Amino acid sequence: MATQATFRIWRGDPAGGEFQDYATSVEEGMVVLDAVHRIQAQQAPDLAVRWNCKAGKCGSCSAEINGMPKLMCMTRLSDINLEAPVTLEPMHSFPPIRDLVTDVSWNFRAKKTIKPFKPRTPDADDGTWRMQQADVERVQEFRKCIECFLCQDVCHVLREHYKHDEFIGPRLLVYAAALEMHPLDIEDRVSDLRHKHSIGYCNITTCCRQVCPESITITENAIIPLKERVVDRYFDPIKSLFHIL
């Protein structure tokens, strides 16, 4: 049975904008993206919105729904109070392009600053790369990332303090962790994590983990182990002396 709902959508561009209300009918089983498409088809054909798979796997339709970073295609209307207007706005951590679309290209430029995978030489006995299954499984979680950048959006270092020139953010720390913890990788990124990528800015609030649509344990499994490597290198007196020598 169809009901009426109001969606308060931010309309604008880099020069500025404002919220506009759109009333539309919604039915059981619809997600926020369905409602946006209906508004786009019937009332606002010039409404800009980015989407692709509509299955929660491409990360394209990231936005802020009632102030919370979410994927529009995975947010069911049945989980939202439709008695009040549903607020939709673009991610705050990135420059707006138009309406609900933001410029997330900074993430890809920052990703290039992380040292790439550097494999060790094959084992001498049989010429293969042997590794333990536990080490393989450790990094598999990080590869579930769909680069929706919701974790980047909710991170206060980027969202409120705009430290994009100094801090790479939780998504790229997960990427660095996938490389650092790979059983075949021998590259040293610890110095970069401290000085270039400013991992010390992260104060482990777990807000990034809470918005991850893939339920990646960003803080505990990726960021904290990387922080431990930095602490061991630079703040453990015995290990610091070892590295100096």
Protein backbone atom coordinates (compact mmCIF):
# COMPACT_ATOMS: atom_id res chain seq x y z
CA MET A 1 0.00 0.00 0.00
CA ALA A 2 1.42 3.35 -1.05
CA THR A 3 1.95 6.14 1.45
CA GLN A 4 3.21 9.69 1.13
CA ALA A 5 6.66 10.72 2.33
CA THR A 6 8.60 13.95 2.12
CA PHE A 7 12.26 14.05 1.13
CA ARG A 8 14.26 17.17 1.95
CA ILE A 9 17.06 17.08 -0.64
CA TRP A 10 20.02 19.43 -0.86
CA ARG A 11 20.13 21.09 -4.27
CA GLY A 12 23.15 23.13 -5.26
CA ASP A 13 26.72 23.28 -6.53
CA PRO A 14 30.12 24.54 -5.27
CA ALA A 15 28.76 28.09 -5.19
CA GLY A 16 26.06 27.16 -2.69
CA GLY A 17 22.61 25.64 -2.41
CA GLU A 18 19.61 24.91 -0.25
CA PHE A 19 17.25 22.12 0.76
CA GLN A 20 14.11 21.54 -1.26
CA ASP A 21 11.16 19.39 -0.20
CA TYR A 22 9.66 16.77 -2.49
CA ALA A 23 6.57 14.76 -1.57
CA THR A 24 6.25 11.39 -3.27
CA SER A 25 4.49 8.08 -2.81
CA VAL A 26 6.45 5.12 -1.43
CA GLU A 27 5.62 1.44 -1.18
CA GLU A 28 6.74 -1.50 0.91
CA GLY A 29 10.21 -2.75 0.05
CA MET A 30 11.53 0.52 -1.35
CA VAL A 31 14.94 1.91 -0.46
CA VAL A 32 15.96 5.56 -0.39
CA LEU A 33 17.46 5.37 -3.88
CA ASP A 34 14.10 4.16 -5.23
CA ALA A 35 12.43 7.26 -3.84
CA VAL A 36 15.14 9.52 -5.25
CA HIS A 37 14.70 7.94 -8.69
CA ARG A 38 10.93 8.48 -8.47
CA ILE A 39 11.43 12.14 -7.58
CA GLN A 40 13.95 12.45 -10.38
CA ALA A 41 11.52 10.91 -12.89
CA GLN A 42 8.40 12.78 -11.84
CA GLN A 43 9.42 16.09 -10.27
CA ALA A 44 13.11 16.98 -10.63
CA PRO A 45 14.64 15.60 -13.84
CA ASP A 46 17.76 17.72 -13.28
CA LEU A 47 18.46 16.19 -9.84
CA ALA A 48 22.06 14.90 -9.83
CA VAL A 49 22.66 11.61 -8.05
CA ARG A 50 25.43 9.06 -8.51
CA TRP A 51 24.54 5.35 -8.54
CA ASN A 52 25.39 2.18 -10.42
CA CYS A 53 24.76 -1.36 -9.14
CA LYS A 54 21.86 -0.70 -6.73
CA ALA A 55 23.05 -3.74 -4.79
CA GLY A 56 25.45 -2.27 -2.23
CA LYS A 57 28.58 -3.38 -4.07
CA CYS A 58 29.75 -0.41 -6.11
CA GLY A 59 29.81 2.29 -3.42
CA SER A 60 28.49 4.93 -5.81
CA CYS A 61 25.33 6.13 -4.04
CA SER A 62 26.96 7.33 -0.83
CA ALA A 63 25.14 10.24 0.80
CA GLU A 64 24.03 11.47 4.20
CA ILE A 65 20.57 10.34 5.23
CA ASN A 66 19.21 12.21 8.22
CA GLY A 67 22.78 13.22 9.02
CA MET A 68 24.25 9.70 8.86
CA PRO A 69 26.60 8.58 6.04
CA LYS A 70 24.92 5.64 4.28
CA LEU A 71 24.40 3.95 0.94
CA MET A 72 21.06 5.05 -0.46
CA CYS A 73 20.52 1.69 -2.16
CA MET A 74 20.91 -0.21 1.11
CA THR A 75 18.81 2.04 3.35
CA ARG A 76 15.25 0.75 3.51
CA LEU A 77 12.45 3.22 3.99
CA SER A 78 10.89 0.83 6.49
CA ASP A 79 13.84 1.61 8.80
CA ILE A 80 13.24 5.38 8.64
CA ASN A 81 10.61 7.50 10.36
CA LEU A 82 8.61 8.77 7.39
CA GLU A 83 6.37 10.96 9.53
CA ALA A 84 9.13 13.59 9.39
CA PRO A 85 10.95 14.78 6.24
CA VAL A 86 13.84 12.51 5.24
CA THR A 87 16.92 14.70 4.82
CA LEU A 88 19.30 13.82 1.99
CA GLU A 89 22.56 15.68 1.44
CA PRO A 90 25.97 15.03 -0.12
CA MET A 91 28.93 13.78 1.88
CA HIS A 92 30.45 16.61 3.91
CA SER A 93 34.11 15.59 3.67
CA PHE A 94 34.38 16.16 -0.08
CA PRO A 95 33.68 19.12 -2.37
CA PRO A 96 30.18 19.17 -3.85
CA ILE A 97 29.82 18.88 -7.60
CA ARG A 98 26.07 19.14 -7.86
CA ASP A 99 23.15 18.15 -5.63
CA LEU A 100 23.97 14.75 -4.05
CA VAL A 101 27.17 14.21 -6.06
CA THR A 102 30.57 14.98 -4.53
CA ASP A 103 34.10 14.99 -5.91
CA VAL A 104 35.85 12.00 -4.30
CA SER A 105 38.88 12.06 -6.63
CA TRP A 106 41.15 13.11 -3.73
CA ASN A 107 40.92 9.55 -2.38
CA PHE A 108 42.47 8.12 -5.53
CA ARG A 109 45.25 10.71 -5.57
CA ALA A 110 46.02 10.00 -1.91
CA LYS A 111 46.02 6.26 -2.60
CA LYS A 112 48.92 6.74 -5.01
CA THR A 113 51.08 8.09 -2.17
CA ILE A 114 51.06 4.69 -0.43
CA LYS A 115 53.99 2.47 -1.36
CA PRO A 116 52.76 -0.38 -3.59
CA PHE A 117 53.02 -4.11 -3.02
CA LYS A 118 56.61 -5.37 -3.03
CA PRO A 119 56.86 -9.19 -2.97
CA ARG A 120 59.71 -11.08 -1.40
CA THR A 121 61.73 -13.52 -3.48
CA PRO A 122 60.37 -17.06 -3.84
CA ASP A 123 61.40 -19.67 -1.31
CA ALA A 124 64.77 -21.15 -2.20
CA ASP A 125 63.75 -24.78 -1.72
CA ASP A 126 60.97 -25.02 -4.31
CA GLY A 127 60.80 -21.63 -6.00
CA THR A 128 57.31 -20.85 -4.69
CA TRP A 129 55.86 -18.28 -2.34
CA ARG A 130 54.86 -20.27 0.72
CA MET A 131 52.59 -18.66 3.30
CA GLN A 132 50.43 -19.67 6.23
CA GLN A 133 46.67 -19.82 5.74
CA ALA A 134 46.13 -17.68 8.84
CA ASP A 135 48.23 -14.91 7.28
CA VAL A 136 46.23 -15.13 4.06
CA GLU A 137 42.91 -14.91 5.89
CA ARG A 138 44.05 -11.92 7.93
CA VAL A 139 44.01 -9.56 4.95
CA GLN A 140 40.93 -10.93 3.20
CA GLU A 141 38.60 -8.77 5.29
CA PHE A 142 40.24 -5.60 4.01
CA ARG A 143 39.60 -6.59 0.39
CA LYS A 144 35.85 -6.40 0.91
CA CYS A 145 36.06 -2.60 0.73
CA ILE A 146 33.85 -1.16 -2.04
CA GLU A 147 35.36 2.33 -1.75
CA CYS A 148 32.08 4.03 -0.89
CA PHE A 149 34.17 6.43 1.25
CA LEU A 150 31.55 6.58 3.99
CA CYS A 151 34.33 5.96 6.52
CA GLN A 152 36.24 8.90 5.06
CA ASP A 153 33.11 11.04 5.28
CA VAL A 154 32.44 10.30 8.95
CA CYS A 155 36.08 10.69 10.04
CA HIS A 156 36.31 13.90 12.08
CA VAL A 157 39.90 14.54 10.94
CA LEU A 158 38.64 14.97 7.37
CA ARG A 159 35.05 16.03 8.02
CA GLU A 160 35.63 18.73 10.62
CA HIS A 161 39.33 19.58 10.47
CA TYR A 162 39.91 19.22 6.69
CA LYS A 163 43.33 17.58 7.10
CA HIS A 164 43.25 16.09 3.60
CA ASP A 165 46.80 17.29 2.91
CA GLU A 166 48.14 15.48 5.97
CA PHE A 167 45.89 12.51 6.78
CA ILE A 168 44.91 9.72 4.37
CA GLY A 169 41.83 8.60 6.33
CA PRO A 170 40.47 5.21 7.41
CA ARG A 171 39.79 3.83 3.93
CA LEU A 172 43.40 4.27 2.88
CA LEU A 173 44.70 3.03 6.22
CA VAL A 174 42.75 -0.15 5.51
CA TYR A 175 44.46 -0.30 2.11
CA ALA A 176 47.85 0.21 3.76
CA ALA A 177 47.03 -2.52 6.30
CA ALA A 178 46.17 -4.94 3.48
CA LEU A 179 49.64 -4.36 2.06
CA GLU A 180 51.54 -4.25 5.37
CA MET A 181 49.98 -7.50 6.62
CA HIS A 182 50.28 -9.38 3.35
CA PRO A 183 52.46 -12.45 3.98
CA LEU A 184 54.52 -11.86 0.83
CA ASP A 185 55.04 -8.10 1.14
CA ILE A 186 58.41 -6.78 2.29
CA GLU A 187 57.95 -3.03 1.78
CA ASP A 188 58.46 -0.75 4.80
CA ARG A 189 55.64 1.78 5.21
CA VAL A 190 55.99 2.48 8.93
CA SER A 191 57.86 5.75 8.49
CA ASP A 192 55.29 6.97 5.97
CA LEU A 193 52.43 6.00 8.25
CA ARG A 194 53.80 8.27 10.94
CA HIS A 195 55.26 11.20 9.00
CA LYS A 196 53.52 11.24 5.61
CA HIS A 197 50.10 9.74 6.32
CA SER A 198 49.74 11.05 9.90
CA ILE A 199 48.18 7.94 11.43
CA GLY A 200 48.60 9.63 14.82
CA TYR A 201 45.65 11.91 14.00
CA CYS A 202 43.30 8.94 14.36
CA ASN A 203 42.05 8.73 17.95
CA ILE A 204 40.18 5.46 17.44
CA THR A 205 36.59 6.62 17.91
CA THR A 206 35.37 3.63 15.78
CA CYS A 207 32.99 5.93 13.88
CA CYS A 208 34.45 4.63 10.61
CA ARG A 209 33.70 1.02 11.53
CA GLN A 210 30.13 1.89 12.46
CA VAL A 211 29.23 3.21 9.00
CA CYS A 212 31.02 0.54 6.92
CA PRO A 213 28.43 -1.28 4.74
CA GLU A 214 30.77 -4.28 4.46
CA SER A 215 31.20 -4.50 8.26
CA ILE A 216 34.98 -4.31 8.01
CA THR A 217 36.53 -4.04 11.47
CA ILE A 218 38.46 -0.97 10.42
CA THR A 219 39.64 0.28 13.80
CA GLU A 220 40.53 -2.91 15.62
CA ASN A 221 41.88 -5.03 12.75
CA ALA A 222 43.53 -2.40 10.54
CA ILE A 223 44.28 0.93 12.22
CA ILE A 224 45.29 -0.26 15.69
CA PRO A 225 47.81 -2.86 14.33
CA LEU A 226 49.33 -0.14 12.14
CA LYS A 227 49.54 2.19 15.12
CA GLU A 228 51.28 -0.57 17.08
CA ARG A 229 53.92 -0.85 14.37
CA VAL A 230 54.56 2.88 14.56
CA VAL A 231 54.75 2.79 18.37
CA ASP A 232 57.14 -0.17 18.28
CA ARG A 233 59.40 1.62 15.81
CA TYR A 234 59.48 5.11 17.31
CA PHE A 235 58.38 4.98 20.92
CA ASP A 236 59.64 1.68 22.30
CA PRO A 237 63.09 2.65 23.72
CA ILE A 238 64.73 -0.70 23.09
CA LYS A 239 63.43 -1.09 19.53
CA SER A 240 64.21 2.54 18.77
CA LEU A 241 67.81 1.95 19.76
CA PHE A 242 67.88 -1.20 17.65
CA HIS A 243 66.74 0.72 14.56
CA ILE A 244 69.26 3.48 15.22
CA LEU A 245 72.07 0.97 15.42
